[in-house]
Amino acid sequence: MSGLEGKVAIITGAAQGQGAAEARWLIDAGCTVTLGDILEDLGEATAQELGDRAYYTHLDVSEEADWAKAISLAEEVGPLQVLVNNAGLSWLRAVEDETSETMERMWRVNLLGAFTGMKASVPVMRAAGGGSIVNISSVPGLMGMAYNGAYGASKWALRGLTKTCAIEFGRDNIRVNSVHPGP
């Protein structure tokens, strides 16, 4: 047994791709999962496809009010114990072609979104006696890569935030880890 049977989870960016695959894996392991995403139709369809232990909610990860709603929905089933911060933006662009606006957009989703989710989730995890947070970073969060200035910077920062949160929240039995998938 995986130790996930009966746990309640939220996954961001879960309407498709990697987030939907993570949701499928957690459901197969026995979790009930709230799929958060801004893609309404795909999110609803994915939740329906995954069955009666999957629920969709609109979740713009940079909006605190959306986080409160997602956590409330998840907690209708039971205490939130798993958070996967998967939502993210990615593009290939030379640093000299980035703008302040595109850099901030990348940062708002890839870093601020995970920060906001952790900040909102930790009190309910603490009340539940602990939990696990997984921040999806990337290989460019481990090493410099051409045309990944904005993306790589956001993922390096997420990796650093993850390490800080692991130290701060560990005393409350909340594990915080980052995963760094490649292309």
N, C-alpha and C. Protein backbone atom coordinates (compact mmCIF):
# COMPACT_ATOMS: atom_id res chain seq x y z
N MET A 1 0.84 -1.18 0.00
CA MET A 1 0.00 0.00 0.00
C MET A 1 0.88 1.24 0.00
N SER A 2 0.45 2.29 -0.67
CA SER A 2 1.26 3.49 -0.85
C SER A 2 1.20 4.46 0.32
N GLY A 3 0.29 4.25 1.24
CA GLY A 3 0.11 5.21 2.33
C GLY A 3 -0.77 6.38 1.94
N LEU A 4 -1.33 6.35 0.75
CA LEU A 4 -2.18 7.44 0.27
C LEU A 4 -3.67 7.11 0.33
N GLU A 5 -4.00 5.89 0.64
CA GLU A 5 -5.41 5.46 0.71
C GLU A 5 -6.20 6.37 1.65
N GLY A 6 -7.28 6.93 1.13
CA GLY A 6 -8.17 7.77 1.93
C GLY A 6 -7.72 9.21 2.10
N LYS A 7 -6.59 9.59 1.53
CA LYS A 7 -6.09 10.97 1.65
C LYS A 7 -6.83 11.88 0.67
N VAL A 8 -6.83 13.16 1.00
CA VAL A 8 -7.45 14.17 0.15
C VAL A 8 -6.35 15.06 -0.42
N ALA A 9 -6.42 15.29 -1.73
CA ALA A 9 -5.36 16.02 -2.43
C ALA A 9 -5.93 17.13 -3.30
N ILE A 10 -5.11 18.13 -3.55
CA ILE A 10 -5.36 19.14 -4.57
C ILE A 10 -4.18 19.10 -5.53
N ILE A 11 -4.48 19.10 -6.83
CA ILE A 11 -3.46 19.20 -7.86
C ILE A 11 -3.81 20.40 -8.72
N THR A 12 -2.83 21.29 -8.92
CA THR A 12 -3.05 22.45 -9.78
C THR A 12 -2.60 22.12 -11.20
N GLY A 13 -3.20 22.81 -12.16
CA GLY A 13 -2.86 22.53 -13.55
C GLY A 13 -3.22 21.11 -13.92
N ALA A 14 -4.37 20.64 -13.42
CA ALA A 14 -4.73 19.23 -13.52
C ALA A 14 -5.71 18.90 -14.64
N ALA A 15 -6.04 19.85 -15.48
CA ALA A 15 -7.02 19.59 -16.53
C ALA A 15 -6.47 18.70 -17.64
N GLN A 16 -5.16 18.70 -17.81
CA GLN A 16 -4.57 17.95 -18.92
C GLN A 16 -3.12 17.62 -18.61
N GLY A 17 -2.53 16.84 -19.49
CA GLY A 17 -1.10 16.59 -19.45
C GLY A 17 -0.59 16.01 -18.14
N GLN A 18 0.51 16.55 -17.67
CA GLN A 18 1.18 16.05 -16.48
C GLN A 18 0.28 16.12 -15.25
N GLY A 19 -0.48 17.20 -15.09
CA GLY A 19 -1.38 17.33 -13.94
C GLY A 19 -2.46 16.27 -13.94
N ALA A 20 -3.03 16.00 -15.10
CA ALA A 20 -4.06 14.95 -15.20
C ALA A 20 -3.45 13.59 -14.90
N ALA A 21 -2.22 13.36 -15.36
CA ALA A 21 -1.54 12.08 -15.07
C ALA A 21 -1.27 11.94 -13.58
N GLU A 22 -0.87 13.04 -12.93
CA GLU A 22 -0.65 13.00 -11.49
C GLU A 22 -1.95 12.70 -10.75
N ALA A 23 -3.04 13.31 -11.21
CA ALA A 23 -4.35 13.06 -10.59
C ALA A 23 -4.74 11.59 -10.74
N ARG A 24 -4.54 11.06 -11.91
CA ARG A 24 -4.85 9.64 -12.17
C ARG A 24 -4.04 8.74 -11.23
N TRP A 25 -2.76 9.02 -11.07
CA TRP A 25 -1.90 8.23 -10.20
C TRP A 25 -2.38 8.31 -8.75
N LEU A 26 -2.71 9.51 -8.26
CA LEU A 26 -3.17 9.66 -6.88
C LEU A 26 -4.51 8.96 -6.65
N ILE A 27 -5.39 9.04 -7.62
CA ILE A 27 -6.68 8.35 -7.49
C ILE A 27 -6.45 6.83 -7.46
N ASP A 28 -5.58 6.34 -8.34
CA ASP A 28 -5.25 4.91 -8.33
C ASP A 28 -4.64 4.47 -7.01
N ALA A 29 -3.95 5.40 -6.33
CA ALA A 29 -3.33 5.11 -5.04
C ALA A 29 -4.32 5.25 -3.88
N GLY A 30 -5.57 5.67 -4.18
CA GLY A 30 -6.59 5.74 -3.15
C GLY A 30 -7.00 7.11 -2.68
N CYS A 31 -6.46 8.16 -3.29
CA CYS A 31 -6.80 9.53 -2.89
C CYS A 31 -8.10 10.01 -3.53
N THR A 32 -8.69 10.99 -2.90
CA THR A 32 -9.73 11.80 -3.52
C THR A 32 -9.05 13.10 -3.92
N VAL A 33 -9.27 13.54 -5.16
CA VAL A 33 -8.48 14.64 -5.71
C VAL A 33 -9.36 15.77 -6.22
N THR A 34 -9.01 16.98 -5.80
CA THR A 34 -9.58 18.19 -6.39
C THR A 34 -8.64 18.64 -7.49
N LEU A 35 -9.16 18.71 -8.71
CA LEU A 35 -8.38 19.14 -9.86
C LEU A 35 -8.59 20.63 -10.04
N GLY A 36 -7.55 21.41 -9.83
CA GLY A 36 -7.63 22.85 -10.01
C GLY A 36 -7.01 23.26 -11.32
N ASP A 37 -7.70 24.13 -12.04
CA ASP A 37 -7.18 24.60 -13.32
C ASP A 37 -8.02 25.79 -13.77
N ILE A 38 -7.52 26.53 -14.75
CA ILE A 38 -8.29 27.62 -15.34
C ILE A 38 -9.02 27.17 -16.61
N LEU A 39 -8.74 25.96 -17.07
CA LEU A 39 -9.37 25.41 -18.26
C LEU A 39 -10.63 24.65 -17.86
N GLU A 40 -11.73 25.38 -17.81
CA GLU A 40 -13.00 24.86 -17.27
C GLU A 40 -13.46 23.57 -17.95
N ASP A 41 -13.64 23.61 -19.26
CA ASP A 41 -14.19 22.46 -19.98
C ASP A 41 -13.29 21.23 -19.85
N LEU A 42 -12.00 21.42 -20.04
CA LEU A 42 -11.06 20.30 -19.91
C LEU A 42 -11.02 19.78 -18.47
N GLY A 43 -11.05 20.69 -17.52
CA GLY A 43 -11.03 20.28 -16.11
C GLY A 43 -12.24 19.45 -15.74
N GLU A 44 -13.41 19.90 -16.16
CA GLU A 44 -14.65 19.14 -15.90
C GLU A 44 -14.59 17.78 -16.56
N ALA A 45 -14.14 17.74 -17.82
CA ALA A 45 -14.07 16.47 -18.56
C ALA A 45 -13.08 15.51 -17.91
N THR A 46 -11.94 16.02 -17.48
CA THR A 46 -10.94 15.17 -16.83
C THR A 46 -11.47 14.62 -15.52
N ALA A 47 -12.12 15.46 -14.75
CA ALA A 47 -12.69 15.00 -13.47
C ALA A 47 -13.74 13.92 -13.72
N GLN A 48 -14.58 14.12 -14.72
CA GLN A 48 -15.61 13.13 -15.03
C GLN A 48 -14.96 11.81 -15.47
N GLU A 49 -13.93 11.91 -16.29
CA GLU A 49 -13.22 10.71 -16.76
C GLU A 49 -12.57 9.95 -15.61
N LEU A 50 -12.08 10.67 -14.59
CA LEU A 50 -11.37 10.03 -13.49
C LEU A 50 -12.30 9.40 -12.45
N GLY A 51 -13.57 9.73 -12.49
CA GLY A 51 -14.52 9.04 -11.62
C GLY A 51 -14.96 9.82 -10.40
N ASP A 52 -15.59 9.10 -9.48
CA ASP A 52 -16.28 9.75 -8.36
C ASP A 52 -15.34 10.25 -7.25
N ARG A 53 -14.05 10.04 -7.37
CA ARG A 53 -13.11 10.59 -6.40
C ARG A 53 -12.31 11.76 -6.99
N ALA A 54 -12.84 12.34 -8.06
CA ALA A 54 -12.20 13.50 -8.70
C ALA A 54 -13.23 14.62 -8.80
N TYR A 55 -12.82 15.82 -8.43
CA TYR A 55 -13.67 17.01 -8.48
C TYR A 55 -12.89 18.12 -9.14
N TYR A 56 -13.56 18.89 -9.97
CA TYR A 56 -12.92 20.03 -10.62
C TYR A 56 -13.33 21.33 -9.93
N THR A 57 -12.39 22.26 -9.84
CA THR A 57 -12.71 23.62 -9.44
C THR A 57 -11.85 24.59 -10.23
N HIS A 58 -12.43 25.73 -10.55
CA HIS A 58 -11.66 26.79 -11.20
C HIS A 58 -10.62 27.28 -10.20
N LEU A 59 -9.35 27.25 -10.60
CA LEU A 59 -8.28 27.68 -9.71
C LEU A 59 -7.21 28.40 -10.50
N ASP A 60 -7.23 29.73 -10.39
CA ASP A 60 -6.12 30.55 -10.86
C ASP A 60 -5.16 30.61 -9.69
N VAL A 61 -4.00 29.96 -9.80
CA VAL A 61 -3.12 29.77 -8.66
C VAL A 61 -2.58 31.06 -8.07
N SER A 62 -2.66 32.15 -8.81
CA SER A 62 -2.16 33.42 -8.28
C SER A 62 -3.23 34.18 -7.50
N GLU A 63 -4.44 33.62 -7.40
CA GLU A 63 -5.55 34.30 -6.72
C GLU A 63 -5.88 33.63 -5.39
N GLU A 64 -5.71 34.35 -4.30
CA GLU A 64 -5.97 33.80 -2.97
C GLU A 64 -7.42 33.32 -2.81
N ALA A 65 -8.37 34.04 -3.38
CA ALA A 65 -9.78 33.65 -3.26
C ALA A 65 -10.03 32.30 -3.94
N ASP A 66 -9.38 32.04 -5.06
CA ASP A 66 -9.53 30.74 -5.73
C ASP A 66 -8.95 29.63 -4.86
N TRP A 67 -7.83 29.90 -4.18
CA TRP A 67 -7.26 28.90 -3.29
C TRP A 67 -8.20 28.57 -2.13
N ALA A 68 -8.81 29.60 -1.56
CA ALA A 68 -9.74 29.37 -0.45
C ALA A 68 -10.90 28.48 -0.90
N LYS A 69 -11.40 28.73 -2.10
CA LYS A 69 -12.50 27.93 -2.64
C LYS A 69 -12.06 26.48 -2.89
N ALA A 70 -10.88 26.30 -3.46
CA ALA A 70 -10.39 24.95 -3.75
C ALA A 70 -10.17 24.15 -2.46
N ILE A 71 -9.59 24.79 -1.47
CA ILE A 71 -9.35 24.10 -0.19
C ILE A 71 -10.67 23.76 0.48
N SER A 72 -11.62 24.67 0.42
CA SER A 72 -12.94 24.40 1.00
C SER A 72 -13.60 23.20 0.32
N LEU A 73 -13.52 23.14 -1.01
CA LEU A 73 -14.10 22.01 -1.75
C LEU A 73 -13.40 20.71 -1.36
N ALA A 74 -12.09 20.72 -1.31
CA ALA A 74 -11.35 19.51 -0.95
C ALA A 74 -11.72 19.05 0.46
N GLU A 75 -11.86 19.99 1.37
CA GLU A 75 -12.12 19.65 2.76
C GLU A 75 -13.56 19.19 3.01
N GLU A 76 -14.43 19.32 2.02
CA GLU A 76 -15.77 18.74 2.15
C GLU A 76 -15.69 17.22 2.21
N VAL A 77 -14.62 16.66 1.64
CA VAL A 77 -14.41 15.21 1.60
C VAL A 77 -13.66 14.75 2.85
N GLY A 78 -12.73 15.55 3.31
CA GLY A 78 -11.90 15.20 4.46
C GLY A 78 -10.75 16.19 4.58
N PRO A 79 -9.90 16.00 5.55
CA PRO A 79 -8.80 16.95 5.74
C PRO A 79 -7.80 16.90 4.57
N LEU A 80 -7.40 18.07 4.10
CA LEU A 80 -6.42 18.17 3.03
C LEU A 80 -5.07 17.71 3.55
N GLN A 81 -4.46 16.73 2.87
CA GLN A 81 -3.17 16.22 3.30
C GLN A 81 -2.13 16.19 2.18
N VAL A 82 -2.55 16.43 0.94
CA VAL A 82 -1.62 16.39 -0.18
C VAL A 82 -1.88 17.58 -1.09
N LEU A 83 -0.81 18.29 -1.45
CA LEU A 83 -0.88 19.37 -2.42
C LEU A 83 0.21 19.16 -3.46
N VAL A 84 -0.19 19.16 -4.72
CA VAL A 84 0.77 19.09 -5.82
C VAL A 84 0.65 20.40 -6.60
N ASN A 85 1.68 21.24 -6.48
CA ASN A 85 1.74 22.50 -7.22
C ASN A 85 2.34 22.23 -8.59
N ASN A 86 1.46 21.90 -9.53
CA ASN A 86 1.86 21.50 -10.87
C ASN A 86 1.63 22.60 -11.90
N ALA A 87 0.70 23.51 -11.68
CA ALA A 87 0.38 24.53 -12.67
C ALA A 87 1.63 25.32 -13.04
N GLY A 88 1.77 25.59 -14.30
CA GLY A 88 2.94 26.35 -14.72
C GLY A 88 2.85 26.83 -16.15
N LEU A 89 3.63 27.84 -16.41
CA LEU A 89 3.81 28.35 -17.77
C LEU A 89 5.20 27.98 -18.23
N SER A 90 5.36 27.84 -19.54
CA SER A 90 6.67 27.55 -20.10
C SER A 90 6.73 28.07 -21.52
N TRP A 91 7.84 28.69 -21.86
CA TRP A 91 8.12 29.04 -23.25
C TRP A 91 9.63 29.15 -23.41
N LEU A 92 10.08 29.04 -24.63
CA LEU A 92 11.48 29.22 -24.96
C LEU A 92 11.64 30.62 -25.55
N ARG A 93 12.52 31.41 -24.92
CA ARG A 93 12.71 32.78 -25.39
C ARG A 93 14.07 33.26 -24.88
N ALA A 94 14.82 33.93 -25.74
CA ALA A 94 16.08 34.51 -25.33
C ALA A 94 15.84 35.56 -24.25
N VAL A 95 16.76 35.67 -23.31
CA VAL A 95 16.62 36.64 -22.22
C VAL A 95 16.43 38.04 -22.78
N GLU A 96 17.16 38.40 -23.81
CA GLU A 96 17.05 39.76 -24.36
C GLU A 96 15.68 40.02 -25.00
N ASP A 97 14.93 38.97 -25.27
CA ASP A 97 13.59 39.14 -25.85
C ASP A 97 12.48 39.11 -24.80
N GLU A 98 12.82 38.79 -23.55
CA GLU A 98 11.82 38.85 -22.47
C GLU A 98 11.52 40.31 -22.15
N THR A 99 10.34 40.53 -21.61
CA THR A 99 9.98 41.86 -21.12
C THR A 99 9.69 41.75 -19.64
N SER A 100 9.59 42.86 -18.99
CA SER A 100 9.21 42.85 -17.58
C SER A 100 7.86 42.18 -17.41
N GLU A 101 6.96 42.41 -18.36
CA GLU A 101 5.62 41.85 -18.27
C GLU A 101 5.63 40.33 -18.43
N THR A 102 6.41 39.80 -19.38
CA THR A 102 6.43 38.35 -19.57
C THR A 102 7.15 37.67 -18.41
N MET A 103 8.20 38.32 -17.90
CA MET A 103 8.91 37.77 -16.75
C MET A 103 7.97 37.71 -15.54
N GLU A 104 7.21 38.77 -15.32
CA GLU A 104 6.28 38.79 -14.19
C GLU A 104 5.16 37.77 -14.37
N ARG A 105 4.67 37.59 -15.58
CA ARG A 105 3.61 36.60 -15.83
C ARG A 105 4.12 35.20 -15.48
N MET A 106 5.33 34.87 -15.89
CA MET A 106 5.92 33.57 -15.59
C MET A 106 6.06 33.41 -14.08
N TRP A 107 6.56 34.43 -13.43
CA TRP A 107 6.77 34.40 -11.98
C TRP A 107 5.45 34.24 -11.23
N ARG A 108 4.39 34.95 -11.67
CA ARG A 108 3.10 34.90 -10.97
C ARG A 108 2.53 33.49 -10.96
N VAL A 109 2.68 32.75 -12.04
CA VAL A 109 2.13 31.40 -12.08
C VAL A 109 3.09 30.39 -11.45
N ASN A 110 4.33 30.38 -11.90
CA ASN A 110 5.26 29.32 -11.51
C ASN A 110 5.77 29.43 -10.08
N LEU A 111 5.88 30.64 -9.56
CA LEU A 111 6.41 30.80 -8.20
C LEU A 111 5.35 31.32 -7.24
N LEU A 112 4.74 32.44 -7.57
CA LEU A 112 3.73 33.00 -6.66
C LEU A 112 2.55 32.04 -6.49
N GLY A 113 2.18 31.32 -7.54
CA GLY A 113 1.08 30.37 -7.44
C GLY A 113 1.37 29.28 -6.43
N ALA A 114 2.58 28.73 -6.47
CA ALA A 114 2.96 27.68 -5.51
C ALA A 114 3.05 28.26 -4.10
N PHE A 115 3.62 29.45 -3.97
CA PHE A 115 3.71 30.12 -2.67
C PHE A 115 2.32 30.32 -2.08
N THR A 116 1.41 30.83 -2.88
CA THR A 116 0.05 31.10 -2.41
C THR A 116 -0.65 29.81 -2.00
N GLY A 117 -0.46 28.76 -2.78
CA GLY A 117 -1.05 27.47 -2.44
C GLY A 117 -0.51 26.89 -1.16
N MET A 118 0.80 26.98 -0.98
CA MET A 118 1.39 26.46 0.26
C MET A 118 0.90 27.27 1.46
N LYS A 119 0.91 28.58 1.32
CA LYS A 119 0.48 29.44 2.43
C LYS A 119 -0.96 29.14 2.84
N ALA A 120 -1.81 28.88 1.85
CA ALA A 120 -3.22 28.58 2.14
C ALA A 120 -3.41 27.17 2.68
N SER A 121 -2.58 26.22 2.26
CA SER A 121 -2.75 24.82 2.61
C SER A 121 -2.13 24.43 3.95
N VAL A 122 -1.05 25.05 4.31
CA VAL A 122 -0.32 24.64 5.51
C VAL A 122 -1.18 24.68 6.78
N PRO A 123 -1.98 25.72 7.02
CA PRO A 123 -2.79 25.70 8.25
C PRO A 123 -3.74 24.51 8.33
N VAL A 124 -4.36 24.12 7.21
CA VAL A 124 -5.28 22.98 7.26
C VAL A 124 -4.52 21.66 7.36
N MET A 125 -3.34 21.58 6.75
CA MET A 125 -2.51 20.38 6.91
C MET A 125 -2.02 20.26 8.34
N ARG A 126 -1.62 21.36 8.91
CA ARG A 126 -1.16 21.36 10.30
C ARG A 126 -2.28 20.86 11.21
N ALA A 127 -3.50 21.35 10.98
CA ALA A 127 -4.65 20.93 11.78
C ALA A 127 -4.95 19.45 11.59
N ALA A 128 -4.62 18.91 10.41
CA ALA A 128 -4.86 17.49 10.11
C ALA A 128 -3.73 16.60 10.66
N GLY A 129 -2.71 17.20 11.22
CA GLY A 129 -1.61 16.42 11.77
C GLY A 129 -0.45 16.23 10.83
N GLY A 130 -0.51 16.85 9.66
CA GLY A 130 0.61 16.76 8.72
C GLY A 130 0.14 16.61 7.29
N GLY A 131 1.09 16.49 6.41
CA GLY A 131 0.76 16.35 5.00
C GLY A 131 2.01 16.35 4.14
N SER A 132 1.77 16.44 2.85
CA SER A 132 2.86 16.43 1.88
C SER A 132 2.57 17.42 0.78
N ILE A 133 3.56 18.25 0.48
CA ILE A 133 3.48 19.22 -0.61
C ILE A 133 4.56 18.86 -1.62
N VAL A 134 4.16 18.74 -2.87
CA VAL A 134 5.10 18.46 -3.95
C VAL A 134 5.02 19.62 -4.94
N ASN A 135 6.14 20.32 -5.09
CA ASN A 135 6.24 21.42 -6.05
C ASN A 135 6.91 20.91 -7.31
N ILE A 136 6.22 21.03 -8.43
CA ILE A 136 6.77 20.56 -9.69
C ILE A 136 7.66 21.67 -10.26
N SER A 137 8.95 21.42 -10.22
CA SER A 137 9.94 22.33 -10.78
C SER A 137 10.30 21.80 -12.17
N SER A 138 11.56 21.78 -12.50
CA SER A 138 11.97 21.36 -13.82
C SER A 138 13.49 21.25 -13.86
N VAL A 139 14.02 20.59 -14.86
CA VAL A 139 15.47 20.53 -15.04
C VAL A 139 16.07 21.94 -15.11
N PRO A 140 15.43 22.92 -15.80
CA PRO A 140 15.99 24.27 -15.77
C PRO A 140 15.99 24.92 -14.38
N GLY A 141 15.38 24.28 -13.39
CA GLY A 141 15.48 24.72 -12.01
C GLY A 141 16.70 24.15 -11.31
N LEU A 142 17.45 23.30 -12.02
CA LEU A 142 18.67 22.70 -11.49
C LEU A 142 19.92 23.20 -12.21
N MET A 143 19.76 23.64 -13.44
CA MET A 143 20.91 24.05 -14.24
C MET A 143 20.48 25.09 -15.28
N GLY A 144 21.39 25.93 -15.65
CA GLY A 144 21.09 26.93 -16.67
C GLY A 144 20.90 26.28 -18.03
N MET A 145 19.92 26.78 -18.77
CA MET A 145 19.65 26.28 -20.11
C MET A 145 19.29 27.47 -21.00
N ALA A 146 19.82 27.48 -22.20
CA ALA A 146 19.54 28.56 -23.14
C ALA A 146 18.05 28.70 -23.40
N TYR A 147 17.62 29.91 -23.58
CA TYR A 147 16.23 30.26 -23.91
C TYR A 147 15.24 29.91 -22.80
N ASN A 148 15.73 29.80 -21.59
CA ASN A 148 14.91 29.49 -20.43
C ASN A 148 15.08 30.52 -19.32
N GLY A 149 15.36 31.75 -19.67
CA GLY A 149 15.61 32.77 -18.65
C GLY A 149 14.46 32.94 -17.68
N ALA A 150 13.30 33.26 -18.18
CA ALA A 150 12.14 33.48 -17.29
C ALA A 150 11.71 32.18 -16.64
N TYR A 151 11.59 31.12 -17.43
CA TYR A 151 11.16 29.83 -16.91
C TYR A 151 12.17 29.29 -15.90
N GLY A 152 13.43 29.25 -16.29
CA GLY A 152 14.46 28.73 -15.42
C GLY A 152 14.56 29.51 -14.12
N ALA A 153 14.48 30.83 -14.20
CA ALA A 153 14.55 31.65 -12.99
C ALA A 153 13.38 31.34 -12.06
N SER A 154 12.19 31.16 -12.62
CA SER A 154 11.03 30.86 -11.77
C SER A 154 11.17 29.48 -11.13
N LYS A 155 11.74 28.53 -11.84
CA LYS A 155 11.89 27.18 -11.29
C LYS A 155 13.06 27.09 -10.31
N TRP A 156 14.13 27.86 -10.52
CA TRP A 156 15.19 27.95 -9.51
C TRP A 156 14.62 28.52 -8.23
N ALA A 157 13.83 29.57 -8.36
CA ALA A 157 13.23 30.21 -7.18
C ALA A 157 12.29 29.25 -6.47
N LEU A 158 11.51 28.48 -7.24
CA LEU A 158 10.61 27.51 -6.64
C LEU A 158 11.39 26.45 -5.87
N ARG A 159 12.50 26.03 -6.42
CA ARG A 159 13.35 25.06 -5.71
C ARG A 159 13.86 25.64 -4.39
N GLY A 160 14.27 26.89 -4.39
CA GLY A 160 14.73 27.53 -3.16
C GLY A 160 13.62 27.69 -2.15
N LEU A 161 12.44 28.11 -2.61
CA LEU A 161 11.29 28.24 -1.73
C LEU A 161 10.92 26.89 -1.13
N THR A 162 10.98 25.84 -1.94
CA THR A 162 10.68 24.49 -1.46
C THR A 162 11.61 24.10 -0.32
N LYS A 163 12.89 24.34 -0.47
CA LYS A 163 13.85 23.98 0.58
C LYS A 163 13.57 24.75 1.86
N THR A 164 13.25 26.04 1.74
CA THR A 164 12.93 26.85 2.91
C THR A 164 11.68 26.33 3.60
N CYS A 165 10.64 26.02 2.82
CA CYS A 165 9.38 25.52 3.39
C CYS A 165 9.57 24.15 4.03
N ALA A 166 10.43 23.32 3.44
CA ALA A 166 10.70 22.01 4.04
C ALA A 166 11.24 22.17 5.46
N ILE A 167 12.11 23.14 5.65
CA ILE A 167 12.68 23.39 6.98
C ILE A 167 11.61 23.97 7.91
N GLU A 168 10.86 24.95 7.43
CA GLU A 168 9.88 25.61 8.28
C GLU A 168 8.70 24.71 8.64
N PHE A 169 8.21 23.92 7.69
CA PHE A 169 6.99 23.14 7.92
C PHE A 169 7.27 21.72 8.40
N GLY A 170 8.51 21.28 8.31
CA GLY A 170 8.85 19.93 8.74
C GLY A 170 8.51 19.67 10.20
N ARG A 171 8.65 20.67 11.03
CA ARG A 171 8.35 20.50 12.47
C ARG A 171 6.86 20.23 12.70
N ASP A 172 6.03 20.52 11.69
CA ASP A 172 4.59 20.27 11.77
C ASP A 172 4.19 18.99 11.02
N ASN A 173 5.19 18.15 10.71
CA ASN A 173 4.95 16.90 10.01
C ASN A 173 4.41 17.14 8.60
N ILE A 174 4.84 18.24 7.98
CA ILE A 174 4.47 18.54 6.59
C ILE A 174 5.75 18.48 5.76
N ARG A 175 5.80 17.49 4.89
CA ARG A 175 6.95 17.34 3.99
C ARG A 175 6.76 18.26 2.79
N VAL A 176 7.83 18.88 2.34
CA VAL A 176 7.80 19.72 1.15
C VAL A 176 8.98 19.33 0.27
N ASN A 177 8.66 18.88 -0.93
CA ASN A 177 9.69 18.43 -1.89
C ASN A 177 9.44 19.04 -3.25
N SER A 178 10.50 19.09 -4.04
CA SER A 178 10.33 19.49 -5.45
C SER A 178 10.76 18.33 -6.34
N VAL A 179 10.12 18.26 -7.47
CA VAL A 179 10.41 17.26 -8.50
C VAL A 179 10.84 18.03 -9.74
N HIS A 180 11.82 17.50 -10.46
CA HIS A 180 12.42 18.23 -11.58
C HIS A 180 12.38 17.43 -12.87
N PRO A 181 11.19 17.28 -13.49
CA PRO A 181 11.11 16.51 -14.72
C PRO A 181 11.80 17.24 -15.89
N GLY A 182 12.24 16.46 -16.86
CA GLY A 182 12.84 17.00 -18.06
C GLY A 182 11.83 17.06 -19.18
N PRO A 183 12.30 17.52 -20.34
CA PRO A 183 11.36 17.63 -21.48
C PRO A 183 10.84 16.29 -21.96
